[in-house]
PDB file of N, CA and C in Angstrom:
ATOM      1  N   MET A   1    -102.906 -15.173-247.331  1.00  0.00           N
ATOM      2  CA  MET A   1    -103.471 -15.440-248.629  1.00  0.00           C
ATOM      3  C   MET A   1    -102.371 -15.987-249.521  1.00  0.00           C
ATOM      4  N   MET A   2    -102.692 -17.016-250.244  1.00  0.00           N
ATOM      5  CA  MET A   2    -101.694 -17.655-251.108  1.00  0.00           C
ATOM      6  C   MET A   2    -101.631 -16.931-252.456  1.00  0.00           C
ATOM      7  N   GLU A   3    -100.488 -17.026-253.085  1.00  0.00           N
ATOM      8  CA  GLU A   3    -100.284 -16.376-254.379  1.00  0.00           C
ATOM      9  C   GLU A   3    -101.303 -16.862-255.404  1.00  0.00           C
ATOM     10  N   SER A   4    -101.639 -18.134-255.360  1.00  0.00           N
ATOM     11  CA  SER A   4    -102.619 -18.670-256.304  1.00  0.00           C
ATOM     12  C   SER A   4    -103.993 -18.023-256.099  1.00  0.00           C
ATOM     13  N   ASP A   5    -104.341 -17.719-254.844  1.00  0.00           N
ATOM     14  CA  ASP A   5    -105.614 -17.040-254.554  1.00  0.00           C
ATOM     15  C   ASP A   5    -105.616 -15.628-255.129  1.00  0.00           C
ATOM     16  N   VAL A   6    -104.507 -14.940-254.977  1.00  0.00           N
ATOM     17  CA  VAL A   6    -104.388 -13.575-255.495  1.00  0.00           C
ATOM     18  C   VAL A   6    -104.488 -13.595-257.015  1.00  0.00           C
ATOM     19  N   LYS A   7    -103.846 -14.572-257.632  1.00  0.00           N
ATOM     20  CA  LYS A   7    -103.889 -14.688-259.092  1.00  0.00           C
ATOM     21  C   LYS A   7    -105.323 -14.927-259.565  1.00  0.00           C
ATOM     22  N   ILE A   8    -106.048 -15.789-258.885  1.00  0.00           N
ATOM     23  CA  ILE A   8    -107.448 -16.059-259.230  1.00  0.00           C
ATOM     24  C   ILE A   8    -108.279 -14.785-259.094  1.00  0.00           C
ATOM     25  N   LEU A   9    -108.060 -14.049-258.012  1.00  0.00           N
ATOM     26  CA  LEU A   9    -108.788 -12.801-257.790  1.00  0.00           C
ATOM     27  C   LEU A   9    -108.493 -11.787-258.894  1.00  0.00           C
ATOM     28  N   LEU A  10    -107.230 -11.606-259.234  1.00  0.00           N
ATOM     29  CA  LEU A  10    -106.856 -10.667-260.293  1.00  0.00           C
ATOM     30  C   LEU A  10    -107.486 -11.060-261.631  1.00  0.00           C
ATOM     31  N   GLU A  11    -107.456 -12.350-261.933  1.00  0.00           N
ATOM     32  CA  GLU A  11    -108.043 -12.819-263.186  1.00  0.00           C
ATOM     33  C   GLU A  11    -109.552 -12.632-263.191  1.00  0.00           C
ATOM     34  N   ALA A  12    -110.201 -12.862-262.064  1.00  0.00           N
ATOM     35  CA  ALA A  12    -111.651 -12.701-261.973  1.00  0.00           C
ATOM     36  C   ALA A  12    -112.052 -11.236-262.139  1.00  0.00           C
ATOM     37  N   ILE A  13    -111.316 -10.336-261.502  1.00  0.00           N
ATOM     38  CA  ILE A  13    -111.599  -8.906-261.636  1.00  0.00           C
ATOM     39  C   ILE A  13    -111.405  -8.462-263.085  1.00  0.00           C
ATOM     40  N   GLY A  14    -110.308  -8.871-263.676  1.00  0.00           N
ATOM     41  CA  GLY A  14    -110.036  -8.507-265.069  1.00  0.00           C
ATOM     42  C   GLY A  14    -111.080  -9.057-266.021  1.00  0.00           C
ATOM     43  N   SER A  15    -111.484 -10.279-265.806  1.00  0.00           N
ATOM     44  CA  SER A  15    -112.490 -10.903-266.656  1.00  0.00           C
ATOM     45  C   SER A  15    -113.839 -10.201-266.527  1.00  0.00           C
ATOM     46  N   ALA A  16    -114.232  -9.898-265.302  1.00  0.00           N
ATOM     47  CA  ALA A  16    -115.510  -9.221-265.073  1.00  0.00           C
ATOM     48  C   ALA A  16    -115.491  -7.834-265.695  1.00  0.00           C
ATOM     49  N   GLU A  17    -114.392  -7.134-265.554  1.00  0.00           N
ATOM     50  CA  GLU A  17    -114.283  -5.778-266.109  1.00  0.00           C
ATOM     51  C   GLU A  17    -114.410  -5.828-267.629  1.00  0.00           C
ATOM     52  N   TRP A  18    -113.846  -6.836-268.234  1.00  0.00           N
ATOM     53  CA  TRP A  18    -113.839  -6.956-269.683  1.00  0.00           C
ATOM     54  C   TRP A  18    -115.225  -7.284-270.230  1.00  0.00           C
ATOM     55  N   ARG A  19    -115.996  -8.135-269.513  1.00  0.00           N
ATOM     56  CA  ARG A  19    -117.248  -8.633-270.074  1.00  0.00           C
ATOM     57  C   ARG A  19    -118.504  -7.884-269.617  1.00  0.00           C
ATOM     58  N   LEU A  20    -118.433  -7.129-268.519  1.00  0.00           N
ATOM     59  CA  LEU A  20    -119.635  -6.487-267.994  1.00  0.00           C
ATOM     60  C   LEU A  20    -119.798  -5.052-268.495  1.00  0.00           C
ATOM     61  N   ASN A  21    -121.009  -4.728-268.901  1.00  0.00           N
ATOM     62  CA  ASN A  21    -121.335  -3.336-269.144  1.00  0.00           C
ATOM     63  C   ASN A  21    -122.100  -2.819-267.918  1.00  0.00           C
ATOM     64  N   LEU A  22    -122.477  -1.561-267.922  1.00  0.00           N
ATOM     65  CA  LEU A  22    -123.137  -0.979-266.757  1.00  0.00           C
ATOM     66  C   LEU A  22    -124.428  -1.720-266.410  1.00  0.00           C
ATOM     67  N   TYR A  23    -125.220  -2.036-267.408  1.00  0.00           N
ATOM     68  CA  TYR A  23    -126.475  -2.746-267.166  1.00  0.00           C
ATOM     69  C   TYR A  23    -126.217  -4.091-266.481  1.00  0.00           C
ATOM     70  N   GLN A  24    -125.266  -4.869-267.001  1.00  0.00           N
ATOM     71  CA  GLN A  24    -124.954  -6.178-266.432  1.00  0.00           C
ATOM     72  C   GLN A  24    -124.367  -6.060-265.029  1.00  0.00           C
ATOM     73  N   PHE A  25    -123.556  -5.039-264.815  1.00  0.00           N
ATOM     74  CA  PHE A  25    -122.976  -4.773-263.492  1.00  0.00           C
ATOM     75  C   PHE A  25    -124.092  -4.563-262.473  1.00  0.00           C
ATOM     76  N   CYS A  26    -125.046  -3.711-262.806  1.00  0.00           N
ATOM     77  CA  CYS A  26    -126.160  -3.435-261.896  1.00  0.00           C
ATOM     78  C   CYS A  26    -127.050  -4.665-261.721  1.00  0.00           C
ATOM     79  N   GLU A  27    -127.244  -5.401-262.789  1.00  0.00           N
ATOM     80  CA  GLU A  27    -128.052  -6.612-262.718  1.00  0.00           C
ATOM     81  C   GLU A  27    -127.421  -7.620-261.752  1.00  0.00           C
ATOM     82  N   LYS A  28    -126.111  -7.816-261.846  1.00  0.00           N
ATOM     83  CA  LYS A  28    -125.405  -8.730-260.943  1.00  0.00           C
ATOM     84  C   LYS A  28    -125.539  -8.308-259.487  1.00  0.00           C
ATOM     85  N   LEU A  29    -125.487  -7.001-259.251  1.00  0.00           N
ATOM     86  CA  LEU A  29    -125.572  -6.478-257.890  1.00  0.00           C
ATOM     87  C   LEU A  29    -127.011  -6.316-257.404  1.00  0.00           C
ATOM     88  N   GLU A  30    -127.954  -6.546-258.317  1.00  0.00           N
ATOM     89  CA  GLU A  30    -129.378  -6.422-258.009  1.00  0.00           C
ATOM     90  C   GLU A  30    -129.724  -5.026-257.494  1.00  0.00           C
ATOM     91  N   VAL A  31    -129.238  -4.027-258.257  1.00  0.00           N
ATOM     92  CA  VAL A  31    -129.498  -2.621-257.933  1.00  0.00           C
ATOM     93  C   VAL A  31    -130.043  -1.934-259.171  1.00  0.00           C
ATOM     94  N   GLU A  32    -130.711  -0.811-258.938  1.00  0.00           N
ATOM     95  CA  GLU A  32    -131.214   0.005-260.043  1.00  0.00           C
ATOM     96  C   GLU A  32    -130.068   0.843-260.601  1.00  0.00           C
ATOM     97  N   GLN A  33    -130.034   0.940-261.902  1.00  0.00           N
ATOM     98  CA  GLN A  33    -129.007   1.742-262.561  1.00  0.00           C
ATOM     99  C   GLN A  33    -129.297   3.222-262.313  1.00  0.00           C
ATOM    100  N   ASP A  34    -128.382   3.894-261.635  1.00  0.00           N
ATOM    101  CA  ASP A  34    -128.514   5.327-261.384  1.00  0.00           C
ATOM    102  C   ASP A  34    -127.117   5.933-261.338  1.00  0.00           C
ATOM    103  N   ASP A  35    -127.044   7.220-261.013  1.00  0.00           N
ATOM    104  CA  ASP A  35    -125.746   7.908-261.003  1.00  0.00           C
ATOM    105  C   ASP A  35    -124.773   7.279-260.016  1.00  0.00           C
ATOM    106  N   TYR A  36    -125.285   6.874-258.841  1.00  0.00           N
ATOM    107  CA  TYR A  36    -124.413   6.277-257.830  1.00  0.00           C
ATOM    108  C   TYR A  36    -123.762   5.005-258.377  1.00  0.00           C
ATOM    109  N   TRP A  37    -124.571   4.124-258.961  1.00  0.00           N
ATOM    110  CA  TRP A  37    -124.030   2.851-259.445  1.00  0.00           C
ATOM    111  C   TRP A  37    -123.222   3.035-260.721  1.00  0.00           C
ATOM    112  N   GLN A  38    -123.511   4.058-261.479  1.00  0.00           N
ATOM    113  CA  GLN A  38    -122.669   4.357-262.625  1.00  0.00           C
ATOM    114  C   GLN A  38    -121.270   4.753-262.150  1.00  0.00           C
ATOM    115  N   ASP A  39    -121.202   5.563-261.087  1.00  0.00           N
ATOM    116  CA  ASP A  39    -119.908   5.919-260.501  1.00  0.00           C
ATOM    117  C   ASP A  39    -119.182   4.689-259.974  1.00  0.00           C
ATOM    118  N   LYS A  40    -119.924   3.793-259.306  1.00  0.00           N
ATOM    119  CA  LYS A  40    -119.314   2.566-258.776  1.00  0.00           C
ATOM    120  C   LYS A  40    -118.790   1.688-259.907  1.00  0.00           C
ATOM    121  N   PHE A  41    -119.529   1.651-261.016  1.00  0.00           N
ATOM    122  CA  PHE A  41    -119.093   0.885-262.181  1.00  0.00           C
ATOM    123  C   PHE A  41    -117.773   1.436-262.720  1.00  0.00           C
ATOM    124  N   LEU A  42    -117.693   2.746-262.817  1.00  0.00           N
ATOM    125  CA  LEU A  42    -116.445   3.369-263.281  1.00  0.00           C
ATOM    126  C   LEU A  42    -115.303   3.121-262.300  1.00  0.00           C
ATOM    127  N   GLU A  43    -115.601   3.133-261.005  1.00  0.00           N
ATOM    128  CA  GLU A  43    -114.580   2.834-259.997  1.00  0.00           C
ATOM    129  C   GLU A  43    -114.124   1.380-260.102  1.00  0.00           C
ATOM    130  N   PHE A  44    -115.059   0.479-260.389  1.00  0.00           N
ATOM    131  CA  PHE A  44    -114.688  -0.927-260.582  1.00  0.00           C
ATOM    132  C   PHE A  44    -113.756  -1.069-261.783  1.00  0.00           C
ATOM    133  N   LYS A  45    -114.049  -0.354-262.859  1.00  0.00           N
ATOM    134  CA  LYS A  45    -113.185  -0.394-264.035  1.00  0.00           C
ATOM    135  C   LYS A  45    -111.785   0.133-263.687  1.00  0.00           C
ATOM    136  N   GLU A  46    -111.729   1.173-262.859  1.00  0.00           N
ATOM    137  CA  GLU A  46    -110.435   1.701-262.401  1.00  0.00           C
ATOM    138  C   GLU A  46    -109.713   0.673-261.535  1.00  0.00           C
ATOM    139  N   LEU A  47    -110.451   0.038-260.635  1.00  0.00           N
ATOM    140  CA  LEU A  47    -109.873  -1.010-259.788  1.00  0.00           C
ATOM    141  C   LEU A  47    -109.209  -2.075-260.654  1.00  0.00           C
ATOM    142  N   ALA A  48    -109.917  -2.520-261.677  1.00  0.00           N
ATOM    143  CA  ALA A  48    -109.369  -3.552-262.564  1.00  0.00           C
ATOM    144  C   ALA A  48    -108.111  -3.052-263.270  1.00  0.00           C
ATOM    145  N   ARG A  49    -108.154  -1.820-263.714  1.00  0.00           N
ATOM    146  CA  ARG A  49    -106.995  -1.260-264.415  1.00  0.00           C
ATOM    147  C   ARG A  49    -105.780  -1.179-263.492  1.00  0.00           C
ATOM    148  N   PHE A  50    -105.984  -0.667-262.282  1.00  0.00           N
ATOM    149  CA  PHE A  50    -104.868  -0.534-261.347  1.00  0.00           C
ATOM    150  C   PHE A  50    -104.396  -1.879-260.802  1.00  0.00           C
ATOM    151  N   ALA A  51    -105.332  -2.781-260.531  1.00  0.00           N
ATOM    152  CA  ALA A  51    -104.944  -4.107-260.037  1.00  0.00           C
ATOM    153  C   ALA A  51    -104.109  -4.838-261.081  1.00  0.00           C
ATOM    154  N   GLY A  52    -104.408  -4.587-262.346  1.00  0.00           N
ATOM    155  CA  GLY A  52    -103.659  -5.223-263.428  1.00  0.00           C
ATOM    156  C   GLY A  52    -102.222  -4.757-263.537  1.00  0.00           C
ATOM    157  N   ARG A  53    -101.881  -3.714-262.829  1.00  0.00           N
ATOM    158  CA  ARG A  53    -100.502  -3.214-262.854  1.00  0.00           C
ATOM    159  C   ARG A  53     -99.575  -4.002-261.932  1.00  0.00           C
ATOM    160  N   PHE A  54    -100.160  -4.865-261.115  1.00  0.00           N
ATOM    161  CA  PHE A  54     -99.377  -5.679-260.187  1.00  0.00           C
ATOM    162  C   PHE A  54     -99.488  -7.147-260.569  1.00  0.00           C
ATOM    163  N   ASP A  55     -98.408  -7.868-260.379  1.00  0.00           N
ATOM    164  CA  ASP A  55     -98.483  -9.309-260.573  1.00  0.00           C
ATOM    165  C   ASP A  55     -98.887  -9.946-259.242  1.00  0.00           C
ATOM    166  N   ALA A  56     -99.372 -11.187-259.315  1.00  0.00           N
ATOM    167  CA  ALA A  56     -99.871 -11.880-258.128  1.00  0.00           C
ATOM    168  C   ALA A  56     -98.788 -12.032-257.064  1.00  0.00           C
ATOM    169  N   HIS A  57     -97.578 -12.300-257.476  1.00  0.00           N
ATOM    170  CA  HIS A  57     -96.480 -12.490-256.510  1.00  0.00           C
ATOM    171  C   HIS A  57     -96.247 -11.226-255.680  1.00  0.00           C
ATOM    172  N   THR A  58     -96.184 -10.087-256.359  1.00  0.00           N
ATOM    173  CA  THR A  58     -95.958  -8.813-255.659  1.00  0.00           C
ATOM    174  C   THR A  58     -97.111  -8.484-254.724  1.00  0.00           C
ATOM    175  N   LEU A  59     -98.356  -8.612-255.216  1.00  0.00           N
ATOM    176  CA  LEU A  59     -99.506  -8.326-254.375  1.00  0.00           C
ATOM    177  C   LEU A  59     -99.566  -9.253-253.169  1.00  0.00           C
ATOM    178  N   CYS A  60     -99.229 -10.499-253.370  1.00  0.00           N
ATOM    179  CA  CYS A  60     -99.231 -11.453-252.245  1.00  0.00           C
ATOM    180  C   CYS A  60     -98.236 -11.022-251.181  1.00  0.00           C
ATOM    181  N   LYS A  61     -97.084 -10.541-251.588  1.00  0.00           N
ATOM    182  CA  LYS A  61     -96.087 -10.060-250.638  1.00  0.00           C
ATOM    183  C   LYS A  61     -96.605  -8.832-249.877  1.00  0.00           C
ATOM    184  N   ILE A  62     -97.291  -7.937-250.591  1.00  0.00           N
ATOM    185  CA  ILE A  62     -97.789  -6.709-249.966  1.00  0.00           C
ATOM    186  C   ILE A  62     -98.858  -7.021-248.945  1.00  0.00           C
ATOM    187  N   ILE A  63     -99.814  -7.865-249.286  1.00  0.00           N
ATOM    188  CA  ILE A  63    -100.943  -8.114-248.385  1.00  0.00           C
ATOM    189  C   ILE A  63    -100.733  -9.289-247.457  1.00  0.00           C
ATOM    190  N   GLY A  64     -99.687 -10.053-247.686  1.00  0.00           N
ATOM    191  CA  GLY A  64     -99.466 -11.261-246.892  1.00  0.00           C
ATOM    192  C   GLY A  64     -98.861 -11.023-245.549  1.00  0.00           C
TER     193      GLY A  64
END
């Protein structure tokens, strides 16, 4: 995976986390809003937060 791909992925995750609420998250996934998907939404928000702690160069080295 190229560093530019990782950067695009990080930016996409961060952007989605910033703009989506639970309703929109479930709508995108075409699922009913329930406790399970609420937990997944919170996990996605955590993913975005933790992924944001790494720069694309470092992540590319780790997964490359």
